[in-house]
N, C-alpha and C. Protein backbone atom coordinates (compact mmCIF):
# COMPACT_ATOMS: atom_id res chain seq x y z
N UNK A 1 -59.31 -42.28 19.03
CA UNK A 1 -59.92 -43.54 19.14
C UNK A 1 -60.44 -44.13 17.80
N UNK A 2 -60.56 -45.28 17.59
CA UNK A 2 -61.40 -45.92 16.29
C UNK A 2 -62.46 -46.92 16.03
N UNK A 3 -62.49 -47.18 15.55
CA UNK A 3 -63.58 -48.80 15.25
C UNK A 3 -62.98 -49.69 14.03
N UNK A 4 -62.48 -50.38 14.32
CA UNK A 4 -61.89 -51.19 13.55
C UNK A 4 -62.10 -52.73 13.62
N UNK A 5 -61.95 -53.45 12.23
CA UNK A 5 -62.30 -55.00 12.13
C UNK A 5 -61.25 -55.78 13.22
N UNK A 6 -61.60 -56.80 13.71
CA UNK A 6 -61.06 -57.62 14.85
C UNK A 6 -60.94 -59.06 14.67
N UNK A 7 -60.29 -60.16 13.78
CA UNK A 7 -60.66 -61.35 13.90
C UNK A 7 -60.53 -62.21 15.34
N UNK A 8 -62.08 -62.43 16.16
CA UNK A 8 -61.55 -63.25 17.61
C UNK A 8 -60.89 -64.68 16.69
N UNK A 9 -60.08 -65.10 16.80
CA UNK A 9 -59.70 -66.33 16.72
C UNK A 9 -60.17 -67.19 17.90
N UNK A 10 -61.19 -66.89 18.29
CA UNK A 10 -61.69 -68.02 19.66
C UNK A 10 -62.74 -68.56 18.61
N UNK A 11 -63.69 -67.32 18.57
CA UNK A 11 -65.05 -67.48 17.91
C UNK A 11 -65.05 -67.66 16.56
N UNK A 12 -63.83 -67.54 15.82
CA UNK A 12 -63.94 -67.20 14.90
C UNK A 12 -64.59 -66.52 13.99
N UNK A 13 -64.70 -65.65 14.59
CA UNK A 13 -65.46 -64.43 13.36
C UNK A 13 -64.62 -63.45 13.66
N UNK A 14 -65.46 -62.43 12.47
CA UNK A 14 -65.25 -60.81 13.11
C UNK A 14 -65.83 -59.74 13.57
N UNK A 15 -65.17 -59.39 14.38
CA UNK A 15 -65.97 -58.03 15.52
C UNK A 15 -65.68 -57.08 15.16
N UNK A 16 -66.29 -55.37 15.01
CA UNK A 16 -65.55 -54.47 14.86
C UNK A 16 -65.63 -53.64 16.41
N UNK A 17 -64.73 -53.24 17.13
CA UNK A 17 -63.91 -52.94 18.03
C UNK A 17 -63.13 -51.00 18.45
N UNK A 18 -63.69 -51.47 19.27
CA UNK A 18 -63.27 -50.12 19.21
C UNK A 18 -61.89 -50.02 20.22
N UNK A 19 -60.64 -49.07 19.49
CA UNK A 19 -59.27 -49.41 19.69
C UNK A 19 -58.86 -47.99 20.37
N UNK A 20 -57.60 -47.71 20.37
CA UNK A 20 -56.99 -46.41 21.02
C UNK A 20 -55.66 -46.23 20.24
N UNK A 21 -55.53 -45.46 20.06
CA UNK A 21 -53.89 -45.31 19.43
C UNK A 21 -52.86 -45.74 20.46
N UNK A 22 -53.17 -45.31 21.67
CA UNK A 22 -52.05 -45.49 23.02
C UNK A 22 -52.60 -45.51 23.59
N UNK A 23 -52.13 -46.29 25.58
CA UNK A 23 -53.13 -46.03 26.04
C UNK A 23 -53.22 -44.96 27.14
N UNK A 24 -54.17 -44.55 27.19
CA UNK A 24 -54.63 -43.42 27.75
C UNK A 24 -54.25 -42.95 29.15
N UNK A 25 -54.32 -41.96 29.38
CA UNK A 25 -53.78 -41.49 31.17
C UNK A 25 -55.54 -41.76 31.76
N UNK A 26 -55.64 -41.06 33.34
CA UNK A 26 -56.24 -41.30 33.55
C UNK A 26 -57.58 -42.73 34.07
N UNK A 27 -58.42 -42.57 34.49
CA UNK A 27 -59.17 -43.90 34.67
C UNK A 27 -59.65 -44.90 33.93
N UNK A 28 -59.34 -44.63 32.01
CA UNK A 28 -59.88 -45.10 31.01
C UNK A 28 -58.97 -46.00 31.21
N UNK A 29 -57.73 -46.03 31.11
CA UNK A 29 -56.80 -47.33 31.30
C UNK A 29 -56.87 -48.27 32.15
N UNK A 30 -57.74 -48.07 32.88
CA UNK A 30 -58.16 -50.02 33.76
C UNK A 30 -59.46 -50.15 32.78
N UNK A 31 -59.49 -49.82 31.51
CA UNK A 31 -60.79 -50.54 30.63
C UNK A 31 -59.59 -50.50 29.41
N UNK A 32 -58.41 -50.54 29.47
CA UNK A 32 -58.11 -50.60 27.90
C UNK A 32 -56.93 -51.87 27.95
N UNK A 33 -56.43 -52.64 27.47
CA UNK A 33 -55.91 -53.63 27.34
C UNK A 33 -54.99 -53.84 26.21
N UNK A 34 -53.75 -54.27 26.27
CA UNK A 34 -53.12 -54.66 24.55
C UNK A 34 -53.47 -56.06 24.17
N UNK A 35 -54.14 -56.09 23.03
CA UNK A 35 -54.20 -57.69 22.81
C UNK A 35 -53.57 -57.79 20.96
N UNK A 36 -52.87 -59.06 21.03
CA UNK A 36 -52.51 -59.28 19.63
C UNK A 36 -53.46 -59.42 18.65
N UNK A 37 -53.43 -58.52 17.34
CA UNK A 37 -54.30 -58.56 16.10
C UNK A 37 -53.55 -59.63 15.56
N UNK A 38 -54.42 -60.85 14.47
CA UNK A 38 -53.76 -61.22 13.82
C UNK A 38 -54.44 -60.84 12.59
N UNK A 39 -53.72 -61.60 11.32
CA UNK A 39 -53.77 -60.87 9.67
C UNK A 39 -55.65 -61.65 9.82
N UNK A 40 -56.49 -60.52 9.34
CA UNK A 40 -57.57 -60.69 9.04
C UNK A 40 -58.15 -61.56 8.06
N UNK A 41 -56.98 -62.25 6.99
CA UNK A 41 -56.88 -62.78 6.09
C UNK A 41 -55.70 -63.38 5.70
N UNK A 42 -55.58 -64.72 5.70
CA UNK A 42 -54.00 -65.22 5.40
C UNK A 42 -53.38 -64.83 4.02
N UNK A 43 -54.30 -63.73 3.01
CA UNK A 43 -53.42 -63.02 1.52
C UNK A 43 -53.10 -61.60 2.52
N UNK A 44 -53.49 -61.58 3.69
CA UNK A 44 -52.94 -59.79 3.84
C UNK A 44 -51.75 -59.69 3.90
N UNK A 45 -51.26 -58.82 3.26
CA UNK A 45 -49.51 -58.83 3.49
C UNK A 45 -49.22 -57.15 3.86
N UNK A 46 -48.21 -56.72 4.50
CA UNK A 46 -47.79 -55.36 4.91
C UNK A 46 -47.20 -55.20 3.29
N UNK A 47 -46.65 -53.57 3.51
CA UNK A 47 -45.75 -52.69 2.35
C UNK A 47 -44.19 -53.37 2.47
N UNK A 48 -43.71 -53.63 1.70
CA UNK A 48 -42.37 -53.88 1.96
C UNK A 48 -41.91 -52.70 2.18
N UNK A 49 -42.17 -51.91 2.43
CA UNK A 49 -41.88 -50.11 2.68
C UNK A 49 -41.61 -50.31 4.63
N UNK A 50 -42.71 -51.19 4.88
CA UNK A 50 -43.10 -51.17 6.32
C UNK A 50 -41.77 -52.11 7.41
N UNK A 51 -41.49 -50.79 8.57
CA UNK A 51 -39.99 -51.22 8.88
C UNK A 51 -40.13 -51.79 9.94
N UNK A 52 -41.69 -51.47 11.01
CA UNK A 52 -42.11 -52.21 11.80
C UNK A 52 -43.86 -52.34 11.67
N UNK A 53 -44.28 -53.86 11.87
CA UNK A 53 -45.31 -54.19 11.49
C UNK A 53 -45.95 -54.12 13.00
N UNK A 54 -47.12 -53.56 12.95
CA UNK A 54 -47.53 -53.32 14.25
C UNK A 54 -48.68 -54.72 14.54
N UNK A 55 -48.51 -55.55 15.45
CA UNK A 55 -49.24 -56.86 15.40
C UNK A 55 -50.42 -57.20 16.62
N UNK A 56 -50.28 -55.39 17.80
CA UNK A 56 -50.65 -55.26 18.44
C UNK A 56 -51.75 -54.29 18.51
N UNK A 57 -52.61 -54.23 19.58
CA UNK A 57 -53.31 -52.93 19.51
C UNK A 57 -54.00 -52.74 20.93
N UNK A 58 -55.07 -51.55 21.31
CA UNK A 58 -54.85 -51.11 22.55
C UNK A 58 -56.61 -51.74 22.19
N UNK A 59 -57.28 -52.14 23.15
CA UNK A 59 -58.54 -52.37 23.21
C UNK A 59 -59.66 -51.97 24.26
N UNK A 60 -60.56 -51.45 23.94
CA UNK A 60 -61.72 -50.82 24.86
C UNK A 60 -62.68 -52.30 25.50
N UNK A 61 -62.04 -52.81 26.86
CA UNK A 61 -63.11 -53.55 27.34
C UNK A 61 -63.90 -53.25 27.95
N UNK A 62 -65.29 -53.95 27.90
CA UNK A 62 -66.44 -53.47 28.37
C UNK A 62 -66.29 -53.88 30.31
N UNK A 63 -65.58 -54.92 30.68
CA UNK A 63 -65.34 -54.65 32.14
C UNK A 63 -63.89 -53.69 32.67
N UNK A 64 -63.89 -53.05 33.42
CA UNK A 64 -62.68 -52.63 34.00
C UNK A 64 -61.78 -54.10 34.60
N UNK A 65 -60.27 -53.52 34.12
CA UNK A 65 -59.68 -54.98 34.30
C UNK A 65 -59.23 -55.21 36.07
N UNK A 66 -59.57 -54.15 36.81
CA UNK A 66 -59.40 -54.08 38.24
C UNK A 66 -60.80 -54.82 38.82
N UNK A 67 -62.02 -54.86 38.14
CA UNK A 67 -63.22 -56.03 37.99
C UNK A 67 -63.08 -57.05 37.63
N UNK A 68 -61.98 -57.77 37.19
CA UNK A 68 -62.08 -59.14 36.41
C UNK A 68 -62.37 -58.48 35.14
N UNK A 69 -62.02 -57.12 34.83
CA UNK A 69 -61.58 -57.65 33.26
C UNK A 69 -61.01 -58.44 32.64
N UNK A 70 -59.86 -57.76 33.20
CA UNK A 70 -58.64 -58.75 33.02
C UNK A 70 -58.08 -58.31 31.73
N UNK A 71 -57.24 -59.15 30.96
CA UNK A 71 -56.90 -58.99 29.29
C UNK A 71 -57.16 -60.38 28.83
N UNK A 72 -56.45 -60.43 27.78
CA UNK A 72 -56.52 -61.75 26.47
C UNK A 72 -56.28 -63.14 27.34
N UNK A 73 -55.23 -62.42 28.60
CA UNK A 73 -54.46 -64.18 28.96
C UNK A 73 -55.55 -64.78 29.88
N UNK A 74 -56.74 -63.72 30.53
CA UNK A 74 -57.21 -64.35 31.00
C UNK A 74 -58.79 -65.18 31.04
N UNK A 75 -58.75 -64.96 29.40
CA UNK A 75 -59.47 -66.22 28.86
C UNK A 75 -61.01 -64.80 28.23
N UNK A 76 -60.53 -63.88 27.97
CA UNK A 76 -61.17 -62.68 27.20
C UNK A 76 -61.48 -62.68 25.99
N UNK A 77 -60.98 -63.82 25.49
CA UNK A 77 -61.82 -63.92 24.28
C UNK A 77 -62.88 -64.93 24.33
N UNK A 78 -62.97 -65.87 25.05
CA UNK A 78 -64.28 -66.66 25.41
C UNK A 78 -65.08 -65.79 25.63
N UNK A 79 -65.07 -64.76 25.90
CA UNK A 79 -66.55 -63.56 26.38
C UNK A 79 -66.49 -62.88 25.50
N UNK A 80 -67.66 -63.21 24.38
CA UNK A 80 -68.72 -62.34 23.23
C UNK A 80 -68.30 -61.25 23.49
N UNK A 81 -68.95 -60.60 25.01
CA UNK A 81 -69.12 -59.31 24.80
C UNK A 81 -67.46 -58.85 25.70
N UNK A 82 -66.58 -58.73 25.25
CA UNK A 82 -65.59 -58.08 26.14
C UNK A 82 -65.60 -57.28 25.51
N UNK A 83 -65.35 -56.98 24.44
CA UNK A 83 -65.03 -55.61 23.63
C UNK A 83 -66.19 -54.88 23.46
N UNK A 84 -65.63 -53.48 23.29
CA UNK A 84 -67.08 -52.76 23.14
C UNK A 84 -66.65 -52.46 21.90
N UNK A 85 -67.79 -51.99 20.71
CA UNK A 85 -68.18 -51.91 19.79
C UNK A 85 -68.80 -50.85 19.50
N UNK A 86 -69.33 -50.54 18.13
CA UNK A 86 -70.13 -49.23 17.60
C UNK A 86 -71.10 -49.29 18.27
N UNK A 87 -71.84 -50.39 19.08
CA UNK A 87 -72.82 -49.94 19.70
C UNK A 87 -73.03 -48.99 20.78
N UNK A 88 -71.87 -49.18 21.59
CA UNK A 88 -71.71 -48.65 22.98
C UNK A 88 -70.70 -47.54 22.71
N UNK A 89 -70.72 -46.89 21.31
CA UNK A 89 -69.88 -45.70 21.37
C UNK A 89 -70.79 -44.74 21.90
N UNK A 90 -72.10 -44.54 21.94
CA UNK A 90 -72.77 -43.24 22.97
C UNK A 90 -72.35 -43.53 24.58
N UNK A 91 -72.35 -44.90 25.07
CA UNK A 91 -72.24 -44.79 26.46
C UNK A 91 -70.57 -44.71 26.60
N UNK A 92 -69.52 -44.54 25.67
CA UNK A 92 -68.17 -44.67 25.76
C UNK A 92 -67.97 -42.88 25.85
N UNK A 93 -68.59 -42.31 24.78
CA UNK A 93 -68.68 -40.86 25.27
C UNK A 93 -68.95 -40.61 26.63
N UNK A 94 -70.14 -40.77 27.15
CA UNK A 94 -70.63 -40.45 28.19
C UNK A 94 -69.80 -40.82 29.41
N UNK A 95 -68.81 -41.90 29.40
CA UNK A 95 -67.90 -41.85 30.47
C UNK A 95 -66.81 -41.31 30.26
N UNK A 96 -66.29 -41.16 29.15
CA UNK A 96 -65.63 -40.09 29.17
C UNK A 96 -65.57 -38.44 29.82
N UNK A 97 -66.79 -38.48 29.41
CA UNK A 97 -67.46 -36.95 30.08
C UNK A 97 -67.38 -37.09 31.34
N UNK A 98 -68.11 -37.93 32.31
CA UNK A 98 -68.35 -37.85 33.23
C UNK A 98 -67.02 -38.25 34.05
N UNK A 99 -65.60 -38.73 33.50
CA UNK A 99 -64.92 -39.10 34.29
C UNK A 99 -63.49 -38.04 33.69
N UNK A 100 -63.81 -36.77 33.18
CA UNK A 100 -62.83 -36.16 33.24
C UNK A 100 -62.35 -36.02 32.09
N UNK A 101 -63.12 -36.49 30.62
CA UNK A 101 -62.27 -36.39 29.45
C UNK A 101 -62.53 -35.33 28.63
N UNK A 102 -62.14 -34.49 27.65
CA UNK A 102 -62.49 -33.90 26.68
C UNK A 102 -62.81 -34.25 25.79
N UNK A 103 -63.88 -34.47 24.78
CA UNK A 103 -63.82 -34.88 23.40
C UNK A 103 -63.51 -33.72 22.35
N UNK A 104 -62.21 -33.63 21.97
CA UNK A 104 -62.05 -32.27 21.18
C UNK A 104 -62.87 -32.76 19.54
N UNK A 105 -64.08 -32.07 19.54
CA UNK A 105 -64.70 -31.81 18.55
C UNK A 105 -63.96 -31.68 16.99
N UNK A 106 -63.68 -30.17 17.58
CA UNK A 106 -63.02 -29.51 16.03
C UNK A 106 -61.72 -30.03 15.97
N UNK A 107 -61.28 -30.53 16.45
CA UNK A 107 -59.76 -31.12 15.91
C UNK A 107 -60.17 -32.47 14.80
N UNK A 108 -60.72 -33.53 15.90
CA UNK A 108 -62.04 -34.18 15.50
C UNK A 108 -62.73 -34.30 14.30
N UNK A 109 -63.07 -32.85 13.92
CA UNK A 109 -63.99 -32.39 12.15
C UNK A 109 -62.43 -32.60 11.46
N UNK A 110 -62.21 -31.71 11.82
CA UNK A 110 -61.11 -31.25 10.99
C UNK A 110 -60.20 -32.29 10.12
N UNK A 111 -59.29 -33.21 10.92
CA UNK A 111 -59.23 -34.42 10.68
C UNK A 111 -60.04 -35.08 9.96
N UNK A 112 -61.52 -35.35 9.92
CA UNK A 112 -62.42 -35.89 9.40
C UNK A 112 -62.18 -35.49 8.10
N UNK A 113 -62.15 -34.30 7.82
CA UNK A 113 -62.51 -33.54 6.70
C UNK A 113 -61.02 -33.41 5.85
N UNK A 114 -59.91 -33.50 6.48
CA UNK A 114 -58.59 -33.66 6.19
C UNK A 114 -58.56 -34.79 4.54
N UNK A 115 -57.34 -34.21 3.93
CA UNK A 115 -57.53 -35.23 2.43
C UNK A 115 -56.61 -35.90 2.70
N UNK A 116 -55.91 -35.84 4.27
CA UNK A 116 -55.23 -37.30 4.22
C UNK A 116 -55.64 -38.37 5.53
N UNK A 117 -56.08 -39.40 4.97
CA UNK A 117 -57.12 -40.61 5.45
C UNK A 117 -56.62 -41.05 6.54
N UNK A 118 -57.27 -40.41 8.22
CA UNK A 118 -56.98 -41.06 9.48
C UNK A 118 -57.85 -42.11 9.55
N UNK A 119 -56.67 -43.33 9.83
CA UNK A 119 -57.62 -44.60 9.96
C UNK A 119 -57.35 -45.33 8.85
N UNK A 120 -58.36 -45.83 8.10
CA UNK A 120 -57.93 -46.66 7.07
C UNK A 120 -57.63 -47.72 7.35
N UNK A 121 -57.01 -48.51 5.88
CA UNK A 121 -55.96 -49.62 5.43
C UNK A 121 -54.67 -49.40 6.01
N UNK A 122 -53.84 -49.63 6.56
CA UNK A 122 -52.70 -49.76 6.93
C UNK A 122 -51.81 -50.57 6.57
N UNK A 123 -50.35 -49.67 5.95
CA UNK A 123 -49.24 -50.55 5.48
C UNK A 123 -48.60 -51.37 6.71
N UNK A 124 -48.70 -50.90 8.55
CA UNK A 124 -48.12 -51.48 9.50
C UNK A 124 -48.76 -52.34 10.21
N UNK A 125 -49.86 -51.98 10.12
CA UNK A 125 -51.11 -52.64 10.94
C UNK A 125 -51.38 -54.13 10.42
N UNK A 126 -52.35 -55.49 11.02
CA UNK A 126 -52.88 -55.98 10.34
C UNK A 126 -54.44 -56.28 10.21
N UNK A 127 -54.91 -54.75 10.86
CA UNK A 127 -55.84 -54.83 11.30
C UNK A 127 -56.74 -54.25 9.57
N UNK A 128 -58.18 -54.22 9.59
CA UNK A 128 -58.85 -53.64 8.34
C UNK A 128 -59.34 -52.40 8.01
N UNK A 129 -59.97 -51.80 7.61
CA UNK A 129 -60.67 -50.55 7.61
C UNK A 129 -60.88 -49.94 8.76
N UNK A 130 -59.76 -49.19 9.53
CA UNK A 130 -60.14 -48.89 10.69
C UNK A 130 -61.08 -47.30 10.63
N UNK A 131 -61.87 -46.88 11.39
CA UNK A 131 -62.21 -45.58 11.02
C UNK A 131 -61.99 -44.80 12.63
N UNK A 132 -62.23 -43.47 12.39
CA UNK A 132 -61.89 -42.91 13.33
C UNK A 132 -62.95 -42.48 14.12
N UNK A 133 -63.33 -42.92 15.19
CA UNK A 133 -64.49 -42.09 16.29
C UNK A 133 -64.46 -40.95 16.68
N UNK A 134 -63.01 -40.68 17.48
CA UNK A 134 -63.02 -39.22 18.32
C UNK A 134 -61.54 -38.96 18.60
N UNK A 135 -61.09 -37.76 19.17
CA UNK A 135 -60.09 -37.78 19.12
C UNK A 135 -60.51 -37.29 21.19
N UNK A 136 -59.69 -37.54 21.65
CA UNK A 136 -60.26 -37.01 23.61
C UNK A 136 -58.55 -36.86 23.64
N UNK A 137 -59.01 -35.80 25.41
CA UNK A 137 -57.53 -35.96 26.16
C UNK A 137 -58.13 -35.72 28.02
N UNK A 138 -57.56 -35.94 28.42
CA UNK A 138 -57.75 -36.02 29.78
C UNK A 138 -57.76 -34.50 29.87
N UNK A 139 -58.62 -34.04 30.72
CA UNK A 139 -58.33 -32.40 31.46
C UNK A 139 -57.86 -32.44 32.65
């Protein structure tokens, strides 16, 4: 789970939103949608060595898809509160714990202390400097 900048093309402003590296298993999947991630700047370039530029990302929605959360195609970008952000992290942790997920604090600590940067600016994504929040799994 990451926190990363996203250019909301409807409001023409930047938001820091919670993203995931993959579609999660279990009940959290109902709160995750794939969206297209535009370049944050017209000057943003990918590495010439990048064979596959990722222009889509999995985002954590504030409202479950089954309860009208929908996706970007249903006008989600027009709702300024559609995506979860930094202020929602404590609530997300609570949701994960009460819905059968385990937050792997040891692995998260190890990756954060590693000399290999997990997150950051990527050569194959158009997002900016993403920061790892935690690693988790369904029990």
